[in-house]
């Protein structure tokens, strides 16, 4: 589990819920729906691009790495969860570019860091619902501990990214929240 067990509050008005979940995609979706129901999650609808939204506020959903997660916030938010895997090395050239050097310098150039970058970029993409190029779409402005500040280059919007290591099963969770 992360340092703070689920559910957790990441910042004022930002709530994250999640739990371990194995099985096929259909089982993960069912587990996510059950998680939302148990936590009295507000009714969501989807935009044309598939991005879930709330009547009041923003939300994001993810399933992967043996986990299901959901986040909601008064500001645009994205969440992604993935297990660290060697397959990330095979895809590296499609999502790691020169602008990612501050992250590689801070955490080291290894599989765990590639997973951090992947989840951060997925979460950033979910903030906007489109328009984040995985290779060049984020410019890292600052990295400190398990948090970083990045600018989405096309949108010219600053994001705060935070990572949490989940255990049993091991995975990385990234949240990206738009700054006002």
N, C-alpha and C. Protein backbone atom coordinates (compact mmCIF):
# COMPACT_ATOMS: atom_id res chain seq x y z
N UNK A 1 0.85 -1.19 0.00
CA UNK A 1 0.00 0.00 0.00
C UNK A 1 0.89 1.24 0.00
N UNK A 2 0.33 2.38 -0.41
CA UNK A 2 1.12 3.61 -0.36
C UNK A 2 1.32 4.05 1.08
N UNK A 3 2.11 5.11 1.26
CA UNK A 3 2.35 5.63 2.61
C UNK A 3 1.05 5.93 3.33
N UNK A 4 0.08 6.49 2.64
CA UNK A 4 -1.24 6.74 3.20
C UNK A 4 -2.19 5.76 2.54
N UNK A 5 -2.88 4.91 3.32
CA UNK A 5 -3.76 3.92 2.70
C UNK A 5 -4.93 4.57 1.96
N UNK A 6 -5.47 3.84 0.99
CA UNK A 6 -6.66 4.30 0.28
C UNK A 6 -7.85 4.31 1.24
N UNK A 7 -8.83 5.18 1.09
CA UNK A 7 -8.74 6.36 0.23
C UNK A 7 -7.77 7.37 0.82
N UNK A 8 -7.22 8.23 -0.03
CA UNK A 8 -6.30 9.25 0.45
C UNK A 8 -6.66 10.60 -0.17
N UNK A 9 -6.35 11.65 0.56
CA UNK A 9 -6.54 13.01 0.07
C UNK A 9 -5.17 13.52 -0.32
N UNK A 10 -5.01 13.88 -1.59
CA UNK A 10 -3.71 14.33 -2.09
C UNK A 10 -3.49 15.81 -1.87
N UNK A 11 -4.54 16.59 -1.94
CA UNK A 11 -4.50 18.03 -1.74
C UNK A 11 -5.93 18.45 -1.42
N UNK A 12 -6.12 19.71 -1.13
CA UNK A 12 -7.45 20.17 -0.79
C UNK A 12 -8.43 19.85 -1.92
N UNK A 13 -9.43 19.05 -1.60
CA UNK A 13 -10.46 18.71 -2.56
C UNK A 13 -10.11 17.60 -3.54
N UNK A 14 -8.90 17.05 -3.44
CA UNK A 14 -8.47 15.98 -4.34
C UNK A 14 -8.52 14.66 -3.57
N UNK A 15 -9.36 13.74 -4.03
CA UNK A 15 -9.53 12.45 -3.38
C UNK A 15 -9.17 11.33 -4.33
N UNK A 16 -8.49 10.32 -3.80
CA UNK A 16 -8.08 9.16 -4.58
C UNK A 16 -8.56 7.91 -3.86
N UNK A 17 -9.21 7.01 -4.60
CA UNK A 17 -9.61 5.72 -4.04
C UNK A 17 -9.02 4.63 -4.93
N UNK A 18 -8.80 3.46 -4.35
CA UNK A 18 -8.27 2.37 -5.14
C UNK A 18 -8.16 1.11 -4.32
N UNK A 19 -7.97 0.00 -5.03
CA UNK A 19 -7.78 -1.29 -4.36
C UNK A 19 -7.16 -2.27 -5.34
N UNK A 20 -6.52 -3.31 -4.80
CA UNK A 20 -5.97 -4.33 -5.69
C UNK A 20 -7.08 -5.05 -6.45
N UNK A 21 -6.78 -5.44 -7.67
CA UNK A 21 -7.75 -6.14 -8.50
C UNK A 21 -7.01 -6.90 -9.59
N UNK A 22 -7.20 -8.18 -9.65
CA UNK A 22 -6.59 -8.97 -10.71
C UNK A 22 -7.64 -9.35 -11.74
N UNK A 23 -7.24 -10.17 -12.65
CA UNK A 23 -8.18 -10.70 -13.63
C UNK A 23 -8.16 -9.98 -14.95
N UNK A 24 -9.05 -10.44 -15.81
CA UNK A 24 -9.17 -9.89 -17.16
C UNK A 24 -9.76 -8.49 -17.13
N UNK A 25 -9.71 -7.82 -18.27
CA UNK A 25 -10.19 -6.44 -18.39
C UNK A 25 -11.63 -6.30 -17.91
N UNK A 26 -12.49 -7.22 -18.27
CA UNK A 26 -13.90 -7.12 -17.86
C UNK A 26 -14.03 -7.21 -16.34
N UNK A 27 -13.20 -8.03 -15.70
CA UNK A 27 -13.21 -8.13 -14.23
C UNK A 27 -12.70 -6.85 -13.60
N UNK A 28 -11.69 -6.23 -14.22
CA UNK A 28 -11.15 -4.98 -13.69
C UNK A 28 -12.20 -3.86 -13.79
N UNK A 29 -12.91 -3.80 -14.90
CA UNK A 29 -13.95 -2.79 -15.05
C UNK A 29 -15.07 -3.00 -14.03
N UNK A 30 -15.45 -4.25 -13.80
CA UNK A 30 -16.47 -4.54 -12.81
C UNK A 30 -15.99 -4.15 -11.41
N UNK A 31 -14.72 -4.43 -11.11
CA UNK A 31 -14.15 -4.06 -9.81
C UNK A 31 -14.11 -2.55 -9.64
N UNK A 32 -13.80 -1.83 -10.72
CA UNK A 32 -13.78 -0.37 -10.65
C UNK A 32 -15.18 0.17 -10.39
N UNK A 33 -16.18 -0.36 -11.07
CA UNK A 33 -17.57 0.07 -10.83
C UNK A 33 -18.00 -0.22 -9.40
N UNK A 34 -17.62 -1.39 -8.87
CA UNK A 34 -17.95 -1.74 -7.49
C UNK A 34 -17.25 -0.80 -6.50
N UNK A 35 -16.00 -0.46 -6.77
CA UNK A 35 -15.25 0.47 -5.92
C UNK A 35 -15.95 1.83 -5.88
N UNK A 36 -16.35 2.32 -7.05
CA UNK A 36 -17.04 3.61 -7.12
C UNK A 36 -18.35 3.58 -6.34
N UNK A 37 -19.09 2.49 -6.45
CA UNK A 37 -20.37 2.36 -5.74
C UNK A 37 -20.15 2.32 -4.23
N UNK A 38 -19.15 1.55 -3.76
CA UNK A 38 -18.87 1.46 -2.31
C UNK A 38 -18.49 2.80 -1.70
N UNK A 39 -17.86 3.66 -2.48
CA UNK A 39 -17.42 4.96 -1.98
C UNK A 39 -18.40 6.09 -2.34
N UNK A 40 -19.61 5.70 -2.76
CA UNK A 40 -20.65 6.68 -3.10
C UNK A 40 -20.15 7.74 -4.08
N UNK A 41 -19.44 7.30 -5.09
CA UNK A 41 -18.88 8.19 -6.10
C UNK A 41 -20.00 8.85 -6.87
N UNK A 42 -19.88 10.13 -7.17
CA UNK A 42 -20.93 10.80 -7.96
C UNK A 42 -21.07 10.18 -9.36
N UNK A 43 -22.25 10.31 -9.91
CA UNK A 43 -22.52 9.81 -11.26
C UNK A 43 -21.62 10.53 -12.27
N UNK A 44 -21.03 9.76 -13.18
CA UNK A 44 -20.16 10.32 -14.21
C UNK A 44 -20.84 10.20 -15.57
N UNK A 45 -20.40 11.06 -16.46
CA UNK A 45 -20.76 10.91 -17.86
C UNK A 45 -19.47 11.02 -18.66
N UNK A 46 -19.55 10.73 -19.96
CA UNK A 46 -18.34 10.75 -20.78
C UNK A 46 -18.45 11.77 -21.89
N UNK A 47 -17.33 12.45 -22.13
CA UNK A 47 -17.22 13.33 -23.28
C UNK A 47 -17.08 12.48 -24.54
N UNK A 48 -17.16 13.09 -25.69
CA UNK A 48 -17.05 12.37 -26.97
C UNK A 48 -15.73 11.61 -27.09
N UNK A 49 -14.65 12.14 -26.48
CA UNK A 49 -13.34 11.48 -26.55
C UNK A 49 -13.18 10.37 -25.51
N UNK A 50 -14.24 10.11 -24.70
CA UNK A 50 -14.20 9.05 -23.70
C UNK A 50 -13.79 9.50 -22.32
N UNK A 51 -13.38 10.73 -22.17
CA UNK A 51 -12.94 11.24 -20.87
C UNK A 51 -14.14 11.32 -19.92
N UNK A 52 -14.04 10.70 -18.72
CA UNK A 52 -15.14 10.80 -17.76
C UNK A 52 -15.15 12.18 -17.11
N UNK A 53 -16.35 12.70 -16.84
CA UNK A 53 -16.48 13.98 -16.16
C UNK A 53 -17.61 13.89 -15.14
N UNK A 54 -17.56 14.78 -14.18
CA UNK A 54 -18.60 14.91 -13.16
C UNK A 54 -19.37 16.19 -13.42
N UNK A 55 -20.59 16.26 -12.91
CA UNK A 55 -21.35 17.51 -13.03
C UNK A 55 -20.64 18.64 -12.30
N UNK A 56 -20.02 18.32 -11.15
CA UNK A 56 -19.27 19.31 -10.37
C UNK A 56 -17.87 18.76 -10.13
N UNK A 57 -16.91 19.29 -10.85
CA UNK A 57 -15.53 18.85 -10.67
C UNK A 57 -15.07 17.94 -11.78
N UNK A 58 -13.88 17.38 -11.56
CA UNK A 58 -13.20 16.56 -12.56
C UNK A 58 -12.88 15.21 -11.96
N UNK A 59 -12.71 14.20 -12.83
CA UNK A 59 -12.37 12.87 -12.34
C UNK A 59 -11.50 12.15 -13.36
N UNK A 60 -10.90 11.06 -12.92
CA UNK A 60 -10.08 10.22 -13.77
C UNK A 60 -10.13 8.80 -13.21
N UNK A 61 -10.05 7.82 -14.11
CA UNK A 61 -10.11 6.40 -13.73
C UNK A 61 -8.92 5.67 -14.33
N UNK A 62 -8.47 4.62 -13.65
CA UNK A 62 -7.39 3.80 -14.21
C UNK A 62 -7.49 2.39 -13.65
N UNK A 63 -7.06 1.44 -14.46
CA UNK A 63 -6.89 0.07 -14.00
C UNK A 63 -5.66 -0.50 -14.70
N UNK A 64 -4.82 -1.12 -13.91
CA UNK A 64 -3.59 -1.71 -14.44
C UNK A 64 -2.68 -2.09 -13.31
N UNK A 65 -1.72 -2.92 -13.59
CA UNK A 65 -0.76 -3.31 -12.57
C UNK A 65 -1.38 -4.02 -11.40
N UNK A 66 -2.58 -4.61 -11.61
CA UNK A 66 -3.26 -5.30 -10.52
C UNK A 66 -4.04 -4.38 -9.61
N UNK A 67 -4.33 -3.16 -10.05
CA UNK A 67 -5.05 -2.18 -9.25
C UNK A 67 -6.16 -1.52 -10.07
N UNK A 68 -7.17 -1.02 -9.36
CA UNK A 68 -8.16 -0.11 -9.93
C UNK A 68 -8.13 1.16 -9.08
N UNK A 69 -8.19 2.33 -9.72
CA UNK A 69 -8.12 3.60 -9.01
C UNK A 69 -9.06 4.62 -9.64
N UNK A 70 -9.47 5.58 -8.82
CA UNK A 70 -10.28 6.70 -9.30
C UNK A 70 -9.86 7.93 -8.51
N UNK A 71 -9.88 9.07 -9.17
CA UNK A 71 -9.52 10.34 -8.52
C UNK A 71 -10.55 11.38 -8.91
N UNK A 72 -10.82 12.31 -7.99
CA UNK A 72 -11.67 13.45 -8.31
C UNK A 72 -11.09 14.70 -7.68
N UNK A 73 -11.39 15.83 -8.34
CA UNK A 73 -10.76 17.08 -7.95
C UNK A 73 -11.58 18.25 -8.48
N UNK A 74 -11.49 19.41 -7.81
CA UNK A 74 -12.11 20.61 -8.38
C UNK A 74 -11.35 21.11 -9.62
N UNK A 75 -10.10 20.67 -9.78
CA UNK A 75 -9.27 21.04 -10.93
C UNK A 75 -9.12 19.83 -11.85
N UNK A 76 -8.83 20.04 -13.13
CA UNK A 76 -8.61 18.90 -14.02
C UNK A 76 -7.53 17.96 -13.45
N UNK A 77 -7.83 16.65 -13.48
CA UNK A 77 -6.95 15.63 -12.88
C UNK A 77 -6.85 14.42 -13.79
N UNK A 78 -5.72 13.75 -13.71
CA UNK A 78 -5.52 12.49 -14.39
C UNK A 78 -4.83 11.53 -13.45
N UNK A 79 -5.13 10.25 -13.57
CA UNK A 79 -4.52 9.22 -12.74
C UNK A 79 -4.18 8.03 -13.63
N UNK A 80 -3.05 7.40 -13.34
CA UNK A 80 -2.69 6.18 -14.04
C UNK A 80 -1.94 5.26 -13.09
N UNK A 81 -2.15 3.96 -13.25
CA UNK A 81 -1.47 2.96 -12.43
C UNK A 81 -0.98 1.84 -13.35
N UNK A 82 0.28 1.45 -13.15
CA UNK A 82 0.91 0.40 -13.97
C UNK A 82 1.96 -0.33 -13.14
N UNK A 83 2.13 -1.59 -13.46
CA UNK A 83 3.23 -2.35 -12.88
C UNK A 83 4.49 -2.05 -13.68
N UNK A 84 5.60 -1.99 -13.00
CA UNK A 84 6.89 -1.82 -13.65
C UNK A 84 7.21 -3.11 -14.40
N UNK A 85 7.57 -2.98 -15.68
CA UNK A 85 7.83 -4.18 -16.48
C UNK A 85 8.92 -3.90 -17.51
N UNK A 86 9.64 -4.94 -17.87
CA UNK A 86 10.71 -4.83 -18.85
C UNK A 86 10.21 -4.36 -20.21
N UNK A 87 8.92 -4.60 -20.53
CA UNK A 87 8.37 -4.18 -21.83
C UNK A 87 8.48 -2.67 -22.03
N UNK A 88 8.59 -1.91 -20.94
CA UNK A 88 8.74 -0.46 -21.05
C UNK A 88 10.04 -0.11 -21.78
N UNK A 89 11.07 -0.94 -21.62
CA UNK A 89 12.33 -0.69 -22.33
C UNK A 89 12.13 -0.79 -23.85
N UNK A 90 11.29 -1.72 -24.28
CA UNK A 90 11.02 -1.89 -25.71
C UNK A 90 10.28 -0.69 -26.30
N UNK A 91 9.45 -0.03 -25.49
CA UNK A 91 8.66 1.12 -25.96
C UNK A 91 9.34 2.45 -25.66
N UNK A 92 10.45 2.43 -24.98
CA UNK A 92 11.12 3.64 -24.51
C UNK A 92 11.25 4.72 -25.58
N UNK A 93 11.66 4.38 -26.76
CA UNK A 93 11.90 5.39 -27.81
C UNK A 93 10.62 6.12 -28.21
N UNK A 94 9.45 5.58 -27.85
CA UNK A 94 8.18 6.21 -28.19
C UNK A 94 7.68 7.16 -27.10
N UNK A 95 8.29 7.11 -25.89
CA UNK A 95 7.77 7.98 -24.85
C UNK A 95 8.83 8.67 -23.99
N UNK A 96 10.10 8.41 -24.21
CA UNK A 96 11.17 9.07 -23.44
C UNK A 96 12.01 9.90 -24.41
N UNK A 97 12.07 11.20 -24.14
CA UNK A 97 12.85 12.11 -24.97
C UNK A 97 13.80 12.96 -24.14
N UNK A 98 14.52 13.87 -24.78
CA UNK A 98 15.47 14.73 -24.07
C UNK A 98 14.83 15.55 -22.93
N UNK A 99 13.57 15.92 -23.07
CA UNK A 99 12.92 16.72 -22.03
C UNK A 99 12.71 15.92 -20.74
N UNK A 100 12.85 14.60 -20.80
CA UNK A 100 12.65 13.75 -19.62
C UNK A 100 13.91 13.57 -18.79
N UNK A 101 15.02 14.20 -19.20
CA UNK A 101 16.28 14.02 -18.50
C UNK A 101 16.21 14.39 -17.01
N UNK A 102 15.48 15.45 -16.62
CA UNK A 102 15.40 15.75 -15.18
C UNK A 102 14.82 14.59 -14.35
N UNK A 103 13.88 13.85 -14.91
CA UNK A 103 13.30 12.71 -14.20
C UNK A 103 14.32 11.58 -14.14
N UNK A 104 14.98 11.30 -15.27
CA UNK A 104 16.00 10.26 -15.29
C UNK A 104 17.15 10.59 -14.34
N UNK A 105 17.56 11.86 -14.28
CA UNK A 105 18.63 12.27 -13.37
C UNK A 105 18.21 12.10 -11.92
N UNK A 106 16.96 12.43 -11.61
CA UNK A 106 16.49 12.38 -10.22
C UNK A 106 16.30 10.95 -9.71
N UNK A 107 15.68 10.10 -10.54
CA UNK A 107 15.32 8.75 -10.08
C UNK A 107 16.25 7.65 -10.60
N UNK A 108 17.09 7.97 -11.58
CA UNK A 108 17.95 6.96 -12.19
C UNK A 108 17.32 6.42 -13.46
N UNK A 109 18.16 5.98 -14.37
CA UNK A 109 17.68 5.45 -15.65
C UNK A 109 17.48 3.95 -15.50
N UNK A 110 16.27 3.56 -15.09
CA UNK A 110 15.97 2.15 -14.84
C UNK A 110 14.49 1.87 -15.13
N UNK A 111 14.09 0.63 -14.98
CA UNK A 111 12.72 0.22 -15.29
C UNK A 111 11.71 0.95 -14.41
N UNK A 112 12.02 1.14 -13.15
CA UNK A 112 11.10 1.83 -12.24
C UNK A 112 10.85 3.27 -12.71
N UNK A 113 11.90 3.93 -13.15
CA UNK A 113 11.77 5.31 -13.63
C UNK A 113 10.99 5.36 -14.94
N UNK A 114 11.21 4.39 -15.81
CA UNK A 114 10.41 4.33 -17.04
C UNK A 114 8.93 4.19 -16.71
N UNK A 115 8.62 3.40 -15.69
CA UNK A 115 7.23 3.25 -15.28
C UNK A 115 6.69 4.57 -14.71
N UNK A 116 7.50 5.27 -13.96
CA UNK A 116 7.09 6.60 -13.45
C UNK A 116 6.79 7.54 -14.62
N UNK A 117 7.67 7.56 -15.62
CA UNK A 117 7.45 8.44 -16.78
C UNK A 117 6.18 8.04 -17.53
N UNK A 118 5.99 6.75 -17.76
CA UNK A 118 4.80 6.30 -18.48
C UNK A 118 3.53 6.70 -17.74
N UNK A 119 3.47 6.42 -16.44
CA UNK A 119 2.25 6.74 -15.69
C UNK A 119 2.03 8.24 -15.62
N UNK A 120 3.10 9.02 -15.49
CA UNK A 120 2.95 10.48 -15.46
C UNK A 120 2.39 11.00 -16.77
N UNK A 121 2.88 10.46 -17.88
CA UNK A 121 2.41 10.93 -19.18
C UNK A 121 0.98 10.48 -19.46
N UNK A 122 0.62 9.28 -19.03
CA UNK A 122 -0.77 8.83 -19.14
C UNK A 122 -1.68 9.73 -18.30
N UNK A 123 -1.25 10.03 -17.08
CA UNK A 123 -2.06 10.89 -16.20
C UNK A 123 -2.20 12.28 -16.81
N UNK A 124 -1.11 12.83 -17.36
CA UNK A 124 -1.18 14.15 -18.00
C UNK A 124 -2.12 14.13 -19.19
N UNK A 125 -2.07 13.09 -19.98
CA UNK A 125 -2.97 12.96 -21.12
C UNK A 125 -4.43 12.99 -20.64
N UNK A 126 -4.69 12.30 -19.53
CA UNK A 126 -6.06 12.24 -19.00
C UNK A 126 -6.54 13.58 -18.45
N UNK A 127 -5.62 14.45 -18.03
CA UNK A 127 -6.02 15.79 -17.58
C UNK A 127 -6.75 16.51 -18.71
N UNK A 128 -6.21 16.39 -19.92
CA UNK A 128 -6.74 17.14 -21.05
C UNK A 128 -7.67 16.32 -21.94
N UNK A 129 -7.51 15.01 -21.93
CA UNK A 129 -8.33 14.15 -22.77
C UNK A 129 -7.80 13.99 -24.17
N UNK A 130 -6.81 14.79 -24.53
CA UNK A 130 -6.19 14.71 -25.86
C UNK A 130 -5.03 15.69 -25.92
N UNK A 131 -4.21 15.54 -26.96
CA UNK A 131 -3.22 16.55 -27.26
C UNK A 131 -1.92 16.53 -26.48
N UNK A 132 -1.62 15.44 -25.75
CA UNK A 132 -0.32 15.35 -25.08
C UNK A 132 0.50 14.30 -25.81
N UNK A 133 1.55 14.76 -26.50
CA UNK A 133 2.45 13.86 -27.20
C UNK A 133 3.34 13.19 -26.14
N UNK A 134 3.37 11.87 -26.14
CA UNK A 134 4.11 11.15 -25.11
C UNK A 134 5.62 11.36 -25.20
N UNK A 135 6.13 11.71 -26.37
CA UNK A 135 7.57 11.90 -26.53
C UNK A 135 7.99 13.33 -26.19
N UNK A 136 7.19 14.30 -26.58
CA UNK A 136 7.60 15.71 -26.42
C UNK A 136 6.60 16.56 -25.65
N UNK A 137 5.53 15.97 -25.14
CA UNK A 137 4.42 16.74 -24.60
C UNK A 137 4.60 17.33 -23.22
N UNK A 138 5.59 16.89 -22.47
CA UNK A 138 5.82 17.45 -21.13
C UNK A 138 7.23 17.98 -21.01
N UNK A 139 7.34 19.16 -20.45
CA UNK A 139 8.64 19.76 -20.13
C UNK A 139 8.73 19.80 -18.61
N UNK A 140 9.66 19.04 -18.04
CA UNK A 140 9.80 18.95 -16.59
C UNK A 140 10.49 20.20 -16.06
N UNK A 141 9.80 20.92 -15.16
CA UNK A 141 10.33 22.18 -14.63
C UNK A 141 11.04 22.00 -13.30
N UNK A 142 10.58 21.05 -12.49
CA UNK A 142 11.18 20.84 -11.17
C UNK A 142 10.82 19.44 -10.70
N UNK A 143 11.76 18.79 -10.01
CA UNK A 143 11.53 17.47 -9.43
C UNK A 143 12.02 17.52 -7.99
N UNK A 144 11.15 17.12 -7.07
CA UNK A 144 11.53 17.11 -5.66
C UNK A 144 10.83 15.94 -4.98
N UNK A 145 11.61 15.02 -4.43
CA UNK A 145 11.03 13.85 -3.78
C UNK A 145 10.19 13.06 -4.78
N UNK A 146 8.95 12.79 -4.40
CA UNK A 146 8.04 12.02 -5.25
C UNK A 146 7.08 12.93 -6.02
N UNK A 147 7.44 14.19 -6.18
CA UNK A 147 6.61 15.15 -6.92
C UNK A 147 7.44 15.86 -7.98
N UNK A 148 6.73 16.33 -9.00
CA UNK A 148 7.39 17.10 -10.05
C UNK A 148 6.40 18.11 -10.61
N UNK A 149 6.94 19.16 -11.17
CA UNK A 149 6.12 20.14 -11.89
C UNK A 149 6.50 20.04 -13.35
N UNK A 150 5.49 20.01 -14.19
CA UNK A 150 5.72 19.89 -15.63
C UNK A 150 4.80 20.85 -16.36
N UNK A 151 5.21 21.24 -17.55
CA UNK A 151 4.36 22.05 -18.41
C UNK A 151 3.97 21.21 -19.61
N UNK A 152 2.66 21.11 -19.86
CA UNK A 152 2.17 20.46 -21.07
C UNK A 152 2.43 21.44 -22.21
N UNK A 153 3.29 21.06 -23.14
CA UNK A 153 3.81 22.00 -24.12
C UNK A 153 2.75 22.55 -25.07
N UNK A 154 1.83 21.74 -25.53
CA UNK A 154 0.80 22.21 -26.45
C UNK A 154 -0.20 23.11 -25.73
N UNK A 155 -0.63 22.70 -24.55
CA UNK A 155 -1.64 23.45 -23.80
C UNK A 155 -1.06 24.63 -23.02
N UNK A 156 0.26 24.66 -22.84
CA UNK A 156 0.93 25.67 -22.02
C UNK A 156 0.28 25.75 -20.64
N UNK A 157 0.02 24.57 -20.07
CA UNK A 157 -0.61 24.43 -18.76
C UNK A 157 0.37 23.72 -17.83
N UNK A 158 0.56 24.28 -16.63
CA UNK A 158 1.44 23.65 -15.65
C UNK A 158 0.66 22.59 -14.88
N UNK A 159 1.33 21.48 -14.65
CA UNK A 159 0.75 20.35 -13.91
C UNK A 159 1.63 20.02 -12.72
N UNK A 160 1.01 19.54 -11.65
CA UNK A 160 1.75 18.94 -10.55
C UNK A 160 1.55 17.44 -10.66
N UNK A 161 2.66 16.72 -10.74
CA UNK A 161 2.64 15.26 -10.84
C UNK A 161 3.16 14.69 -9.53
N UNK A 162 2.47 13.67 -9.02
CA UNK A 162 2.93 12.98 -7.81
C UNK A 162 2.89 11.48 -8.07
N UNK A 163 3.90 10.79 -7.56
CA UNK A 163 3.97 9.34 -7.70
C UNK A 163 3.82 8.69 -6.33
N UNK A 164 3.18 7.52 -6.33
CA UNK A 164 3.02 6.70 -5.13
C UNK A 164 3.35 5.27 -5.51
N UNK A 165 4.22 4.64 -4.73
CA UNK A 165 4.50 3.23 -4.98
C UNK A 165 3.49 2.40 -4.22
N UNK A 166 2.81 1.51 -4.93
CA UNK A 166 1.82 0.62 -4.33
C UNK A 166 2.44 -0.76 -4.17
N UNK A 167 2.03 -1.45 -3.12
CA UNK A 167 2.55 -2.78 -2.86
C UNK A 167 1.41 -3.79 -2.88
N UNK A 168 1.75 -5.00 -3.15
CA UNK A 168 0.80 -6.13 -3.10
C UNK A 168 -0.44 -5.91 -3.93
N UNK A 169 -0.36 -5.89 -5.24
CA UNK A 169 0.82 -6.08 -6.07
C UNK A 169 1.57 -4.77 -6.31
N UNK A 170 2.86 -4.91 -6.58
CA UNK A 170 3.72 -3.74 -6.79
C UNK A 170 3.34 -3.01 -8.08
N UNK A 171 3.17 -1.70 -7.97
CA UNK A 171 2.82 -0.87 -9.12
C UNK A 171 3.15 0.57 -8.79
N UNK A 172 3.19 1.41 -9.82
CA UNK A 172 3.36 2.85 -9.66
C UNK A 172 2.06 3.55 -10.02
N UNK A 173 1.66 4.48 -9.16
CA UNK A 173 0.48 5.29 -9.37
C UNK A 173 0.96 6.73 -9.57
N UNK A 174 0.49 7.36 -10.64
CA UNK A 174 0.81 8.78 -10.88
C UNK A 174 -0.49 9.56 -10.94
N UNK A 175 -0.47 10.74 -10.33
CA UNK A 175 -1.57 11.69 -10.48
C UNK A 175 -0.99 12.96 -11.09
N UNK A 176 -1.78 13.58 -11.94
CA UNK A 176 -1.41 14.86 -12.53
C UNK A 176 -2.60 15.79 -12.33
N UNK A 177 -2.34 16.95 -11.73
CA UNK A 177 -3.39 17.93 -11.47
C UNK A 177 -3.00 19.25 -12.11
N UNK A 178 -3.93 19.83 -12.85
CA UNK A 178 -3.66 21.13 -13.49
C UNK A 178 -3.55 22.20 -12.41
N UNK A 179 -2.59 23.07 -12.55
CA UNK A 179 -2.42 24.19 -11.63
C UNK A 179 -3.18 25.40 -12.18
N UNK A 180 -3.72 26.18 -11.27
CA UNK A 180 -4.46 27.37 -11.72
C UNK A 180 -3.56 28.57 -11.73
